[in-house]
Amino acid sequence: LHGSPDAPAVDLYAGDAELVDDLAFGDLSGPIQVPPGSYTLDFYGHASGSDAPTGDPAASWTSPALERGERYLAVATGWLGDVSFTVLPLVEDFDIADGQAGLVAVHAAPDVPAVDIGLVDSSFTPVWTNVSYGVASDAAGVAVPAGSYDIGVALTGEITPALTFSNLTVGADARVFAVASGSLTEGSVGLSLVDATDWPWATAWVAPDVTE
């Protein structure tokens, strides 16, 4: 998942092998199957063709040991060329009862401080608290009934959300990573809802509500 707010569309290589071509901000690549192990991934600005570029990559990242049979969401985030740039490897490990929807929250917006994330109705009720940049909630997920929800994101300890996202619908047995990415200062923060219910996974970008 491309979540770096200042990075152009990228090509992603492991050695000379191109794994991802022309991935833009907010987009999710197709599934990539690799043998167990650790991999160094090189990020380049998109160029035509699949031959490995000869210059230095814009960024590189080495994965932890990827285990046999596991599925991971890899979120590229941070400012390109800055120490904040990284990839968050999130194992798909939902443990939710049948008929319930499972949600995992991911903070991937590099200029946003720690936040509380929760439900908005007559008031704001935090579900996840003090989530800082680069952190995901528990991989097992939080279980909620299928339905439509208004989600709020507030600076930690505040009672009024800075951003709200209305009418987010999750179905029974859905398994969803809610990834907050983009830049607060540039007004591009939003949610990538990565639906891991079925294979291959899919994503949808949701912009925050417009405030008057």
N, C-alpha and C. Protein backbone atom coordinates (compact mmCIF):
# COMPACT_ATOMS: atom_id res chain seq x y z
N LEU A 1 0.85 -1.18 0.00
CA LEU A 1 0.00 0.00 0.00
C LEU A 1 0.89 1.24 0.00
N HIS A 2 0.70 2.10 -1.01
CA HIS A 2 1.49 3.34 -1.12
C HIS A 2 0.82 4.39 -0.22
N GLY A 3 1.50 4.72 0.89
CA GLY A 3 0.96 5.70 1.81
C GLY A 3 1.91 6.84 2.10
N SER A 4 2.93 7.04 1.24
CA SER A 4 3.89 8.12 1.45
C SER A 4 3.37 9.39 0.77
N PRO A 5 3.08 10.46 1.54
CA PRO A 5 2.35 11.59 0.97
C PRO A 5 3.11 12.40 -0.06
N ASP A 6 4.47 12.34 -0.05
CA ASP A 6 5.21 13.15 -1.01
C ASP A 6 5.90 12.32 -2.08
N ALA A 7 5.66 11.02 -2.08
CA ALA A 7 6.32 10.16 -3.07
C ALA A 7 5.48 10.07 -4.34
N PRO A 8 6.12 10.11 -5.50
CA PRO A 8 5.39 9.91 -6.75
C PRO A 8 5.00 8.45 -6.91
N ALA A 9 4.41 8.12 -8.03
CA ALA A 9 4.18 6.71 -8.33
C ALA A 9 5.53 6.00 -8.36
N VAL A 10 5.58 4.79 -7.83
CA VAL A 10 6.85 4.09 -7.64
C VAL A 10 6.84 2.72 -8.31
N ASP A 11 8.05 2.28 -8.63
CA ASP A 11 8.32 0.89 -8.98
C ASP A 11 9.12 0.29 -7.83
N LEU A 12 8.86 -0.96 -7.53
CA LEU A 12 9.46 -1.61 -6.37
C LEU A 12 10.21 -2.85 -6.83
N TYR A 13 11.49 -2.93 -6.43
CA TYR A 13 12.34 -4.03 -6.84
C TYR A 13 12.90 -4.77 -5.63
N ALA A 14 13.13 -6.07 -5.80
CA ALA A 14 13.95 -6.87 -4.89
C ALA A 14 15.11 -7.38 -5.74
N GLY A 15 16.27 -6.78 -5.56
CA GLY A 15 17.37 -7.07 -6.47
C GLY A 15 17.02 -6.56 -7.86
N ASP A 16 17.15 -7.45 -8.87
CA ASP A 16 16.82 -7.07 -10.25
C ASP A 16 15.37 -7.39 -10.61
N ALA A 17 14.63 -7.97 -9.69
CA ALA A 17 13.26 -8.40 -9.98
C ALA A 17 12.28 -7.28 -9.62
N GLU A 18 11.50 -6.86 -10.60
CA GLU A 18 10.47 -5.85 -10.34
C GLU A 18 9.26 -6.54 -9.72
N LEU A 19 8.87 -6.08 -8.53
CA LEU A 19 7.73 -6.65 -7.83
C LEU A 19 6.46 -5.85 -8.04
N VAL A 20 6.60 -4.53 -8.15
CA VAL A 20 5.45 -3.63 -8.26
C VAL A 20 5.78 -2.57 -9.31
N ASP A 21 4.81 -2.27 -10.16
CA ASP A 21 5.01 -1.28 -11.22
C ASP A 21 3.97 -0.17 -11.12
N ASP A 22 4.44 1.07 -11.08
CA ASP A 22 3.59 2.25 -11.20
C ASP A 22 2.50 2.28 -10.12
N LEU A 23 2.92 2.21 -8.86
CA LEU A 23 1.99 2.25 -7.74
C LEU A 23 1.90 3.68 -7.21
N ALA A 24 0.70 4.27 -7.25
CA ALA A 24 0.50 5.65 -6.84
C ALA A 24 -0.04 5.72 -5.41
N PHE A 25 0.04 6.92 -4.83
CA PHE A 25 -0.44 7.13 -3.46
C PHE A 25 -1.89 6.65 -3.32
N GLY A 26 -2.12 5.87 -2.27
CA GLY A 26 -3.45 5.35 -1.99
C GLY A 26 -3.76 4.03 -2.66
N ASP A 27 -2.87 3.58 -3.55
CA ASP A 27 -3.13 2.34 -4.28
C ASP A 27 -2.53 1.14 -3.57
N LEU A 28 -3.15 0.00 -3.78
CA LEU A 28 -2.68 -1.28 -3.25
C LEU A 28 -2.23 -2.14 -4.42
N SER A 29 -1.04 -2.70 -4.33
CA SER A 29 -0.56 -3.57 -5.42
C SER A 29 -1.32 -4.89 -5.41
N GLY A 30 -1.13 -5.65 -6.46
CA GLY A 30 -1.62 -7.02 -6.45
C GLY A 30 -0.81 -7.86 -5.48
N PRO A 31 -1.27 -9.06 -5.16
CA PRO A 31 -0.54 -9.90 -4.22
C PRO A 31 0.82 -10.32 -4.76
N ILE A 32 1.80 -10.40 -3.88
CA ILE A 32 3.15 -10.82 -4.22
C ILE A 32 3.49 -12.02 -3.37
N GLN A 33 3.76 -13.15 -4.00
CA GLN A 33 4.08 -14.37 -3.26
C GLN A 33 5.58 -14.61 -3.31
N VAL A 34 6.19 -14.78 -2.14
CA VAL A 34 7.64 -15.00 -2.05
C VAL A 34 7.92 -16.15 -1.09
N PRO A 35 9.07 -16.81 -1.24
CA PRO A 35 9.46 -17.81 -0.25
C PRO A 35 9.70 -17.15 1.11
N PRO A 36 9.60 -17.90 2.20
CA PRO A 36 9.89 -17.34 3.51
C PRO A 36 11.30 -16.75 3.55
N GLY A 37 11.47 -15.70 4.33
CA GLY A 37 12.78 -15.07 4.45
C GLY A 37 12.66 -13.58 4.56
N SER A 38 13.81 -12.90 4.55
CA SER A 38 13.87 -11.45 4.63
C SER A 38 14.29 -10.90 3.27
N TYR A 39 13.74 -9.73 2.91
CA TYR A 39 13.98 -9.15 1.59
C TYR A 39 14.31 -7.66 1.72
N THR A 40 15.24 -7.20 0.90
CA THR A 40 15.51 -5.78 0.78
C THR A 40 14.77 -5.25 -0.43
N LEU A 41 13.93 -4.26 -0.20
CA LEU A 41 13.09 -3.68 -1.24
C LEU A 41 13.63 -2.30 -1.59
N ASP A 42 13.77 -2.05 -2.90
CA ASP A 42 14.26 -0.76 -3.39
C ASP A 42 13.13 -0.02 -4.09
N PHE A 43 12.98 1.26 -3.75
CA PHE A 43 11.92 2.11 -4.30
C PHE A 43 12.51 3.08 -5.32
N TYR A 44 11.93 3.10 -6.51
CA TYR A 44 12.32 4.03 -7.57
C TYR A 44 11.08 4.77 -8.06
N GLY A 45 11.28 6.01 -8.52
CA GLY A 45 10.21 6.67 -9.24
C GLY A 45 9.85 5.86 -10.47
N HIS A 46 8.56 5.85 -10.80
CA HIS A 46 8.11 5.00 -11.91
C HIS A 46 8.80 5.37 -13.22
N ALA A 47 9.21 4.32 -13.92
CA ALA A 47 9.77 4.47 -15.27
C ALA A 47 9.24 3.32 -16.11
N SER A 48 9.14 3.54 -17.41
CA SER A 48 8.64 2.49 -18.30
C SER A 48 9.64 1.35 -18.35
N GLY A 49 9.12 0.15 -18.63
CA GLY A 49 9.98 -1.03 -18.69
C GLY A 49 10.12 -1.68 -17.33
N SER A 50 10.66 -2.90 -17.34
CA SER A 50 10.79 -3.66 -16.10
C SER A 50 12.24 -3.95 -15.72
N ASP A 51 13.20 -3.41 -16.50
CA ASP A 51 14.61 -3.60 -16.15
C ASP A 51 14.95 -2.77 -14.92
N ALA A 52 15.77 -3.33 -14.05
CA ALA A 52 16.15 -2.62 -12.83
C ALA A 52 16.92 -1.35 -13.19
N PRO A 53 16.57 -0.20 -12.59
CA PRO A 53 17.32 1.03 -12.86
C PRO A 53 18.77 0.90 -12.42
N THR A 54 19.64 1.72 -13.04
CA THR A 54 21.06 1.65 -12.71
C THR A 54 21.45 2.60 -11.58
N GLY A 55 20.65 3.62 -11.32
CA GLY A 55 20.97 4.57 -10.26
C GLY A 55 20.58 4.07 -8.89
N ASP A 56 20.91 4.88 -7.89
CA ASP A 56 20.54 4.54 -6.52
C ASP A 56 19.03 4.68 -6.33
N PRO A 57 18.43 3.79 -5.54
CA PRO A 57 16.99 3.92 -5.27
C PRO A 57 16.69 5.16 -4.43
N ALA A 58 15.46 5.64 -4.53
CA ALA A 58 15.04 6.75 -3.68
C ALA A 58 14.99 6.35 -2.22
N ALA A 59 14.72 5.08 -1.97
CA ALA A 59 14.68 4.56 -0.61
C ALA A 59 14.81 3.05 -0.67
N SER A 60 15.30 2.46 0.40
CA SER A 60 15.37 1.01 0.53
C SER A 60 14.88 0.62 1.92
N TRP A 61 14.39 -0.59 2.01
CA TRP A 61 13.88 -1.09 3.30
C TRP A 61 14.06 -2.60 3.32
N THR A 62 14.50 -3.11 4.47
CA THR A 62 14.70 -4.54 4.64
C THR A 62 13.63 -5.09 5.56
N SER A 63 12.93 -6.10 5.09
CA SER A 63 11.81 -6.66 5.84
C SER A 63 12.30 -7.52 6.99
N PRO A 64 11.47 -7.73 7.99
CA PRO A 64 11.76 -8.80 8.94
C PRO A 64 11.59 -10.15 8.25
N ALA A 65 11.88 -11.22 8.96
CA ALA A 65 11.71 -12.55 8.38
C ALA A 65 10.23 -12.82 8.15
N LEU A 66 9.87 -13.04 6.90
CA LEU A 66 8.48 -13.35 6.55
C LEU A 66 8.28 -14.85 6.68
N GLU A 67 7.21 -15.24 7.34
CA GLU A 67 7.02 -16.64 7.70
C GLU A 67 6.12 -17.36 6.70
N ARG A 68 6.36 -18.64 6.57
CA ARG A 68 5.60 -19.48 5.66
C ARG A 68 4.11 -19.44 5.99
N GLY A 69 3.29 -19.28 4.95
CA GLY A 69 1.85 -19.35 5.11
C GLY A 69 1.18 -18.09 5.60
N GLU A 70 1.97 -17.05 5.96
CA GLU A 70 1.39 -15.82 6.47
C GLU A 70 1.09 -14.86 5.32
N ARG A 71 0.15 -13.94 5.57
CA ARG A 71 -0.15 -12.87 4.64
C ARG A 71 0.10 -11.54 5.35
N TYR A 72 0.76 -10.63 4.64
CA TYR A 72 1.16 -9.36 5.23
C TYR A 72 0.62 -8.20 4.39
N LEU A 73 0.22 -7.14 5.09
CA LEU A 73 -0.01 -5.86 4.45
C LEU A 73 1.23 -5.02 4.69
N ALA A 74 1.88 -4.57 3.62
CA ALA A 74 3.09 -3.75 3.73
C ALA A 74 2.72 -2.32 3.36
N VAL A 75 2.77 -1.41 4.32
CA VAL A 75 2.37 -0.02 4.12
C VAL A 75 3.62 0.84 4.02
N ALA A 76 3.88 1.40 2.84
CA ALA A 76 4.99 2.35 2.67
C ALA A 76 4.51 3.72 3.12
N THR A 77 5.24 4.34 4.04
CA THR A 77 4.78 5.59 4.63
C THR A 77 5.96 6.46 5.01
N GLY A 78 5.68 7.70 5.34
CA GLY A 78 6.73 8.65 5.70
C GLY A 78 7.13 9.50 4.52
N TRP A 79 8.02 10.45 4.79
CA TRP A 79 8.50 11.36 3.74
C TRP A 79 9.65 10.70 3.00
N LEU A 80 9.57 10.66 1.69
CA LEU A 80 10.60 10.01 0.88
C LEU A 80 11.94 10.72 1.08
N GLY A 81 12.99 9.95 1.35
CA GLY A 81 14.31 10.52 1.58
C GLY A 81 14.55 11.00 2.99
N ASP A 82 13.55 10.85 3.87
CA ASP A 82 13.65 11.29 5.25
C ASP A 82 13.70 10.06 6.16
N VAL A 83 14.16 10.28 7.41
CA VAL A 83 14.24 9.16 8.34
C VAL A 83 12.86 8.61 8.69
N SER A 84 11.82 9.40 8.44
CA SER A 84 10.47 8.93 8.74
C SER A 84 9.99 7.87 7.75
N PHE A 85 10.66 7.77 6.58
CA PHE A 85 10.19 6.81 5.57
C PHE A 85 10.46 5.39 6.03
N THR A 86 9.44 4.56 5.94
CA THR A 86 9.58 3.17 6.33
C THR A 86 8.47 2.36 5.68
N VAL A 87 8.50 1.08 5.90
CA VAL A 87 7.42 0.19 5.50
C VAL A 87 6.94 -0.53 6.76
N LEU A 88 5.63 -0.51 6.97
CA LEU A 88 5.05 -1.19 8.13
C LEU A 88 4.56 -2.56 7.69
N PRO A 89 5.20 -3.65 8.16
CA PRO A 89 4.75 -4.99 7.80
C PRO A 89 3.72 -5.49 8.81
N LEU A 90 2.48 -5.63 8.37
CA LEU A 90 1.37 -5.97 9.26
C LEU A 90 0.85 -7.35 8.89
N VAL A 91 1.00 -8.30 9.80
CA VAL A 91 0.53 -9.65 9.52
C VAL A 91 -1.00 -9.68 9.60
N GLU A 92 -1.61 -10.41 8.71
CA GLU A 92 -3.07 -10.62 8.74
C GLU A 92 -3.35 -11.72 9.76
N ASP A 93 -3.86 -11.33 10.92
CA ASP A 93 -4.05 -12.28 12.01
C ASP A 93 -5.35 -11.98 12.76
N PHE A 94 -6.39 -11.63 11.99
CA PHE A 94 -7.68 -11.35 12.62
C PHE A 94 -8.19 -12.57 13.37
N ASP A 95 -8.77 -12.32 14.54
CA ASP A 95 -9.36 -13.38 15.35
C ASP A 95 -10.71 -12.86 15.86
N ILE A 96 -11.71 -12.98 15.01
CA ILE A 96 -13.02 -12.39 15.25
C ILE A 96 -14.08 -13.46 15.09
N ALA A 97 -15.08 -13.43 15.94
CA ALA A 97 -16.15 -14.42 15.88
C ALA A 97 -16.93 -14.30 14.57
N ASP A 98 -17.46 -15.43 14.11
CA ASP A 98 -18.27 -15.44 12.89
C ASP A 98 -19.42 -14.45 13.01
N GLY A 99 -19.69 -13.76 11.90
CA GLY A 99 -20.78 -12.80 11.87
C GLY A 99 -20.41 -11.40 12.30
N GLN A 100 -19.25 -11.25 12.94
CA GLN A 100 -18.77 -9.95 13.34
C GLN A 100 -17.79 -9.40 12.29
N ALA A 101 -17.63 -8.09 12.27
CA ALA A 101 -16.60 -7.45 11.45
C ALA A 101 -15.39 -7.17 12.32
N GLY A 102 -14.22 -7.32 11.75
CA GLY A 102 -12.98 -7.06 12.48
C GLY A 102 -12.25 -5.87 11.90
N LEU A 103 -11.77 -4.97 12.78
CA LEU A 103 -11.08 -3.76 12.35
C LEU A 103 -9.73 -3.66 13.03
N VAL A 104 -8.70 -3.30 12.25
CA VAL A 104 -7.38 -2.96 12.77
C VAL A 104 -7.06 -1.54 12.32
N ALA A 105 -6.67 -0.68 13.25
CA ALA A 105 -6.33 0.72 12.94
C ALA A 105 -4.82 0.85 12.78
N VAL A 106 -4.41 1.64 11.77
CA VAL A 106 -2.99 1.83 11.48
C VAL A 106 -2.73 3.34 11.32
N HIS A 107 -1.77 3.88 12.07
CA HIS A 107 -1.40 5.29 11.98
C HIS A 107 -0.20 5.39 11.04
N ALA A 108 -0.44 5.90 9.83
CA ALA A 108 0.62 5.99 8.83
C ALA A 108 0.70 7.39 8.22
N ALA A 109 0.34 8.41 9.00
CA ALA A 109 0.41 9.81 8.55
C ALA A 109 1.56 10.49 9.29
N PRO A 110 2.69 10.78 8.61
CA PRO A 110 3.92 11.14 9.31
C PRO A 110 3.89 12.46 10.07
N ASP A 111 3.03 13.41 9.70
CA ASP A 111 3.02 14.69 10.41
C ASP A 111 1.82 14.83 11.34
N VAL A 112 1.19 13.72 11.66
CA VAL A 112 0.06 13.71 12.59
C VAL A 112 0.53 13.16 13.94
N PRO A 113 0.31 13.88 15.04
CA PRO A 113 0.73 13.34 16.34
C PRO A 113 -0.14 12.17 16.77
N ALA A 114 0.11 11.68 17.97
CA ALA A 114 -0.65 10.55 18.48
C ALA A 114 -2.14 10.90 18.55
N VAL A 115 -2.97 9.91 18.24
CA VAL A 115 -4.41 10.17 18.13
C VAL A 115 -5.21 9.11 18.88
N ASP A 116 -6.45 9.49 19.18
CA ASP A 116 -7.48 8.56 19.61
C ASP A 116 -8.43 8.36 18.43
N ILE A 117 -8.86 7.15 18.22
CA ILE A 117 -9.74 6.82 17.10
C ILE A 117 -10.97 6.12 17.66
N GLY A 118 -12.14 6.56 17.24
CA GLY A 118 -13.33 5.94 17.82
C GLY A 118 -14.59 6.27 17.05
N LEU A 119 -15.71 6.06 17.72
CA LEU A 119 -17.03 6.20 17.11
C LEU A 119 -17.63 7.56 17.45
N VAL A 120 -18.33 8.11 16.48
CA VAL A 120 -18.98 9.40 16.66
C VAL A 120 -20.49 9.20 16.53
N ASP A 121 -21.23 9.54 17.58
CA ASP A 121 -22.70 9.62 17.50
C ASP A 121 -23.09 10.92 18.18
N SER A 122 -23.69 10.87 19.34
CA SER A 122 -23.97 12.12 20.05
C SER A 122 -22.70 12.66 20.71
N SER A 123 -21.70 11.80 20.87
CA SER A 123 -20.41 12.20 21.43
C SER A 123 -19.33 11.34 20.78
N PHE A 124 -18.10 11.55 21.18
CA PHE A 124 -16.96 10.81 20.65
C PHE A 124 -16.54 9.75 21.66
N THR A 125 -16.54 8.49 21.24
CA THR A 125 -16.17 7.38 22.11
C THR A 125 -14.93 6.69 21.55
N PRO A 126 -13.76 6.93 22.16
CA PRO A 126 -12.54 6.30 21.63
C PRO A 126 -12.59 4.78 21.72
N VAL A 127 -12.12 4.14 20.67
CA VAL A 127 -11.94 2.68 20.64
C VAL A 127 -10.45 2.35 20.78
N TRP A 128 -9.61 3.12 20.07
CA TRP A 128 -8.16 2.99 20.19
C TRP A 128 -7.62 4.31 20.72
N THR A 129 -6.73 4.29 21.70
CA THR A 129 -6.23 5.51 22.31
C THR A 129 -4.71 5.62 22.16
N ASN A 130 -4.26 6.87 22.03
CA ASN A 130 -2.83 7.19 22.00
C ASN A 130 -2.07 6.36 20.96
N VAL A 131 -2.62 6.33 19.74
CA VAL A 131 -1.98 5.60 18.64
C VAL A 131 -1.01 6.56 17.95
N SER A 132 0.28 6.26 17.99
CA SER A 132 1.28 7.15 17.42
C SER A 132 1.68 6.69 16.02
N TYR A 133 2.38 7.58 15.31
CA TYR A 133 2.81 7.28 13.94
C TYR A 133 3.62 5.99 13.88
N GLY A 134 3.29 5.16 12.91
CA GLY A 134 4.00 3.90 12.71
C GLY A 134 3.47 2.75 13.53
N VAL A 135 2.37 2.98 14.25
CA VAL A 135 1.82 1.96 15.16
C VAL A 135 0.49 1.45 14.62
N ALA A 136 0.26 0.16 14.77
CA ALA A 136 -1.03 -0.46 14.45
C ALA A 136 -1.63 -1.03 15.72
N SER A 137 -2.96 -1.09 15.75
CA SER A 137 -3.63 -1.73 16.87
C SER A 137 -3.43 -3.24 16.81
N ASP A 138 -3.92 -3.92 17.81
CA ASP A 138 -3.70 -5.37 17.93
C ASP A 138 -4.13 -6.10 16.67
N ALA A 139 -3.27 -7.03 16.21
CA ALA A 139 -3.51 -7.72 14.94
C ALA A 139 -4.78 -8.56 14.95
N ALA A 140 -5.25 -8.95 16.14
CA ALA A 140 -6.48 -9.75 16.21
C ALA A 140 -7.70 -8.94 15.83
N GLY A 141 -7.60 -7.61 15.90
CA GLY A 141 -8.71 -6.74 15.51
C GLY A 141 -9.71 -6.51 16.63
N VAL A 142 -10.48 -5.45 16.45
CA VAL A 142 -11.61 -5.15 17.32
C VAL A 142 -12.89 -5.60 16.62
N ALA A 143 -13.73 -6.32 17.31
CA ALA A 143 -14.96 -6.85 16.72
C ALA A 143 -16.08 -5.83 16.86
N VAL A 144 -16.81 -5.62 15.76
CA VAL A 144 -18.00 -4.75 15.78
C VAL A 144 -19.10 -5.45 14.99
N PRO A 145 -20.35 -5.19 15.30
CA PRO A 145 -21.43 -5.74 14.47
C PRO A 145 -21.37 -5.14 13.07
N ALA A 146 -21.82 -5.91 12.09
CA ALA A 146 -21.93 -5.38 10.74
C ALA A 146 -22.84 -4.17 10.75
N GLY A 147 -22.50 -3.15 9.96
CA GLY A 147 -23.33 -1.95 9.91
C GLY A 147 -22.56 -0.77 9.39
N SER A 148 -23.12 0.42 9.57
CA SER A 148 -22.53 1.67 9.10
C SER A 148 -22.11 2.50 10.30
N TYR A 149 -20.92 3.07 10.24
CA TYR A 149 -20.36 3.78 11.38
C TYR A 149 -19.80 5.13 10.96
N ASP A 150 -19.86 6.09 11.90
CA ASP A 150 -19.15 7.36 11.77
C ASP A 150 -17.91 7.27 12.66
N ILE A 151 -16.75 7.46 12.05
CA ILE A 151 -15.48 7.32 12.74
C ILE A 151 -14.86 8.69 12.94
N GLY A 152 -14.32 8.91 14.13
CA GLY A 152 -13.64 10.16 14.44
C GLY A 152 -12.19 9.92 14.80
N VAL A 153 -11.34 10.89 14.45
CA VAL A 153 -9.92 10.87 14.82
C VAL A 153 -9.63 12.15 15.57
N ALA A 154 -9.21 12.01 16.83
CA ALA A 154 -8.94 13.17 17.68
C ALA A 154 -7.51 13.11 18.19
N LEU A 155 -6.89 14.27 18.40
CA LEU A 155 -5.61 14.28 19.08
C LEU A 155 -5.79 13.64 20.45
N THR A 156 -4.80 12.89 20.87
CA THR A 156 -4.93 12.12 22.11
C THR A 156 -5.38 13.00 23.28
N GLY A 157 -6.46 12.54 23.91
CA GLY A 157 -7.01 13.25 25.06
C GLY A 157 -8.07 14.27 24.74
N GLU A 158 -8.23 14.62 23.46
CA GLU A 158 -9.25 15.60 23.09
C GLU A 158 -10.61 14.91 22.99
N ILE A 159 -11.68 15.68 23.23
CA ILE A 159 -13.02 15.09 23.20
C ILE A 159 -13.74 15.38 21.88
N THR A 160 -13.12 16.23 21.05
CA THR A 160 -13.73 16.57 19.76
C THR A 160 -12.82 16.09 18.64
N PRO A 161 -13.31 15.27 17.73
CA PRO A 161 -12.46 14.77 16.64
C PRO A 161 -11.99 15.91 15.74
N ALA A 162 -10.75 15.81 15.30
CA ALA A 162 -10.24 16.74 14.30
C ALA A 162 -10.71 16.36 12.91
N LEU A 163 -10.92 15.07 12.70
CA LEU A 163 -11.41 14.56 11.42
C LEU A 163 -12.51 13.55 11.68
N THR A 164 -13.51 13.55 10.83
CA THR A 164 -14.56 12.52 10.90
C THR A 164 -14.74 11.90 9.52
N PHE A 165 -15.14 10.65 9.54
CA PHE A 165 -15.42 9.88 8.33
C PHE A 165 -16.79 9.23 8.52
N SER A 166 -17.76 9.66 7.73
CA SER A 166 -19.14 9.25 7.97
C SER A 166 -19.54 8.08 7.08
N ASN A 167 -20.45 7.28 7.63
CA ASN A 167 -21.12 6.20 6.89
C ASN A 167 -20.15 5.19 6.31
N LEU A 168 -19.19 4.76 7.13
CA LEU A 168 -18.29 3.69 6.72
C LEU A 168 -18.98 2.35 7.01
N THR A 169 -19.20 1.57 5.99
CA THR A 169 -19.99 0.35 6.12
C THR A 169 -19.09 -0.87 6.12
N VAL A 170 -19.31 -1.77 7.06
CA VAL A 170 -18.61 -3.05 7.11
C VAL A 170 -19.64 -4.16 7.19
N GLY A 171 -19.40 -5.23 6.43
CA GLY A 171 -20.33 -6.33 6.41
C GLY A 171 -19.98 -7.41 7.41
N ALA A 172 -20.88 -8.35 7.58
CA ALA A 172 -20.62 -9.49 8.45
C ALA A 172 -19.41 -10.26 7.93
N ASP A 173 -18.53 -10.62 8.84
CA ASP A 173 -17.30 -11.38 8.56
C ASP A 173 -16.25 -10.57 7.81
N ALA A 174 -16.44 -9.26 7.66
CA ALA A 174 -15.43 -8.42 7.03
C ALA A 174 -14.19 -8.33 7.92
N ARG A 175 -13.04 -8.24 7.27
CA ARG A 175 -11.77 -8.07 7.96
C ARG A 175 -11.07 -6.88 7.30
N VAL A 176 -10.93 -5.77 8.02
CA VAL A 176 -10.53 -4.51 7.40
C VAL A 176 -9.39 -3.85 8.18
N PHE A 177 -8.31 -3.47 7.46
CA PHE A 177 -7.29 -2.58 7.98
C PHE A 177 -7.71 -1.15 7.64
N ALA A 178 -7.85 -0.29 8.64
CA ALA A 178 -8.16 1.12 8.41
C ALA A 178 -6.86 1.91 8.58
N VAL A 179 -6.26 2.29 7.45
CA VAL A 179 -4.93 2.90 7.44
C VAL A 179 -5.08 4.40 7.22
N ALA A 180 -4.73 5.20 8.24
CA ALA A 180 -4.72 6.65 8.09
C ALA A 180 -3.38 7.07 7.50
N SER A 181 -3.42 7.72 6.34
CA SER A 181 -2.18 8.14 5.70
C SER A 181 -2.39 9.50 5.07
N GLY A 182 -1.31 10.05 4.49
CA GLY A 182 -1.36 11.39 3.92
C GLY A 182 -0.70 12.39 4.84
N SER A 183 -0.90 13.67 4.55
CA SER A 183 -0.26 14.75 5.30
C SER A 183 -1.31 15.71 5.84
N LEU A 184 -1.23 15.99 7.13
CA LEU A 184 -2.15 16.94 7.75
C LEU A 184 -1.89 18.36 7.23
N THR A 185 -0.61 18.75 7.14
CA THR A 185 -0.28 20.10 6.70
C THR A 185 -0.66 20.34 5.25
N GLU A 186 -0.65 19.30 4.44
CA GLU A 186 -1.01 19.44 3.03
C GLU A 186 -2.48 19.13 2.77
N GLY A 187 -3.21 18.80 3.83
CA GLY A 187 -4.64 18.54 3.69
C GLY A 187 -4.98 17.28 2.94
N SER A 188 -4.09 16.29 3.01
CA SER A 188 -4.32 15.06 2.23
C SER A 188 -4.56 13.84 3.09
N VAL A 189 -4.81 14.02 4.40
CA VAL A 189 -5.04 12.86 5.26
C VAL A 189 -6.37 12.20 4.91
N GLY A 190 -6.35 10.89 4.84
CA GLY A 190 -7.56 10.12 4.61
C GLY A 190 -7.37 8.70 5.09
N LEU A 191 -8.36 7.87 4.83
CA LEU A 191 -8.30 6.47 5.23
C LEU A 191 -8.24 5.57 3.99
N SER A 192 -7.29 4.66 4.01
CA SER A 192 -7.31 3.55 3.07
C SER A 192 -7.91 2.36 3.81
N LEU A 193 -9.07 1.92 3.34
CA LEU A 193 -9.73 0.77 3.95
C LEU A 193 -9.34 -0.46 3.16
N VAL A 194 -8.42 -1.24 3.70
CA VAL A 194 -7.92 -2.43 3.02
C VAL A 194 -8.76 -3.62 3.47
N ASP A 195 -9.52 -4.15 2.54
CA ASP A 195 -10.45 -5.25 2.83
C ASP A 195 -9.72 -6.57 2.63
N ALA A 196 -9.45 -7.23 3.76
CA ALA A 196 -8.74 -8.51 3.73
C ALA A 196 -9.69 -9.68 3.89
N THR A 197 -10.97 -9.47 3.60
CA THR A 197 -11.97 -10.52 3.77
C THR A 197 -11.74 -11.65 2.78
N ASP A 198 -11.52 -11.27 1.52
CA ASP A 198 -11.32 -12.25 0.45
C ASP A 198 -9.98 -12.00 -0.22
N TRP A 199 -9.53 -12.99 -0.96
CA TRP A 199 -8.24 -12.90 -1.67
C TRP A 199 -8.49 -12.82 -3.16
N PRO A 200 -7.87 -11.88 -3.87
CA PRO A 200 -6.90 -10.90 -3.38
C PRO A 200 -7.57 -9.75 -2.63
N TRP A 201 -6.81 -9.09 -1.79
CA TRP A 201 -7.32 -7.97 -1.03
C TRP A 201 -7.62 -6.79 -1.95
N ALA A 202 -8.45 -5.89 -1.46
CA ALA A 202 -8.80 -4.68 -2.22
C ALA A 202 -8.76 -3.50 -1.27
N THR A 203 -8.71 -2.30 -1.82
CA THR A 203 -8.69 -1.11 -0.98
C THR A 203 -9.60 -0.03 -1.55
N ALA A 204 -10.08 0.84 -0.66
CA ALA A 204 -10.87 2.00 -1.05
C ALA A 204 -10.37 3.19 -0.27
N TRP A 205 -10.21 4.32 -0.94
CA TRP A 205 -9.76 5.56 -0.29
C TRP A 205 -10.97 6.34 0.16
N VAL A 206 -10.94 6.82 1.41
CA VAL A 206 -12.04 7.60 1.96
C VAL A 206 -11.50 8.93 2.47
N ALA A 207 -12.00 10.03 1.92
CA ALA A 207 -11.60 11.36 2.38
C ALA A 207 -12.41 11.75 3.61
N PRO A 208 -11.87 12.60 4.46
CA PRO A 208 -12.64 13.03 5.64
C PRO A 208 -13.81 13.91 5.24
N ASP A 209 -14.78 14.02 6.16
CA ASP A 209 -15.90 14.91 5.94
C ASP A 209 -15.40 16.35 5.77
N VAL A 210 -16.09 17.10 4.94
CA VAL A 210 -15.75 18.51 4.75
C VAL A 210 -16.45 19.32 5.85
N THR A 211 -15.67 20.14 6.54
CA THR A 211 -16.23 20.98 7.59
C THR A 211 -16.45 22.39 7.06
N GLU A 212 -17.54 22.99 7.49
CA GLU A 212 -17.86 24.36 7.04
C GLU A 212 -17.09 25.39 7.87
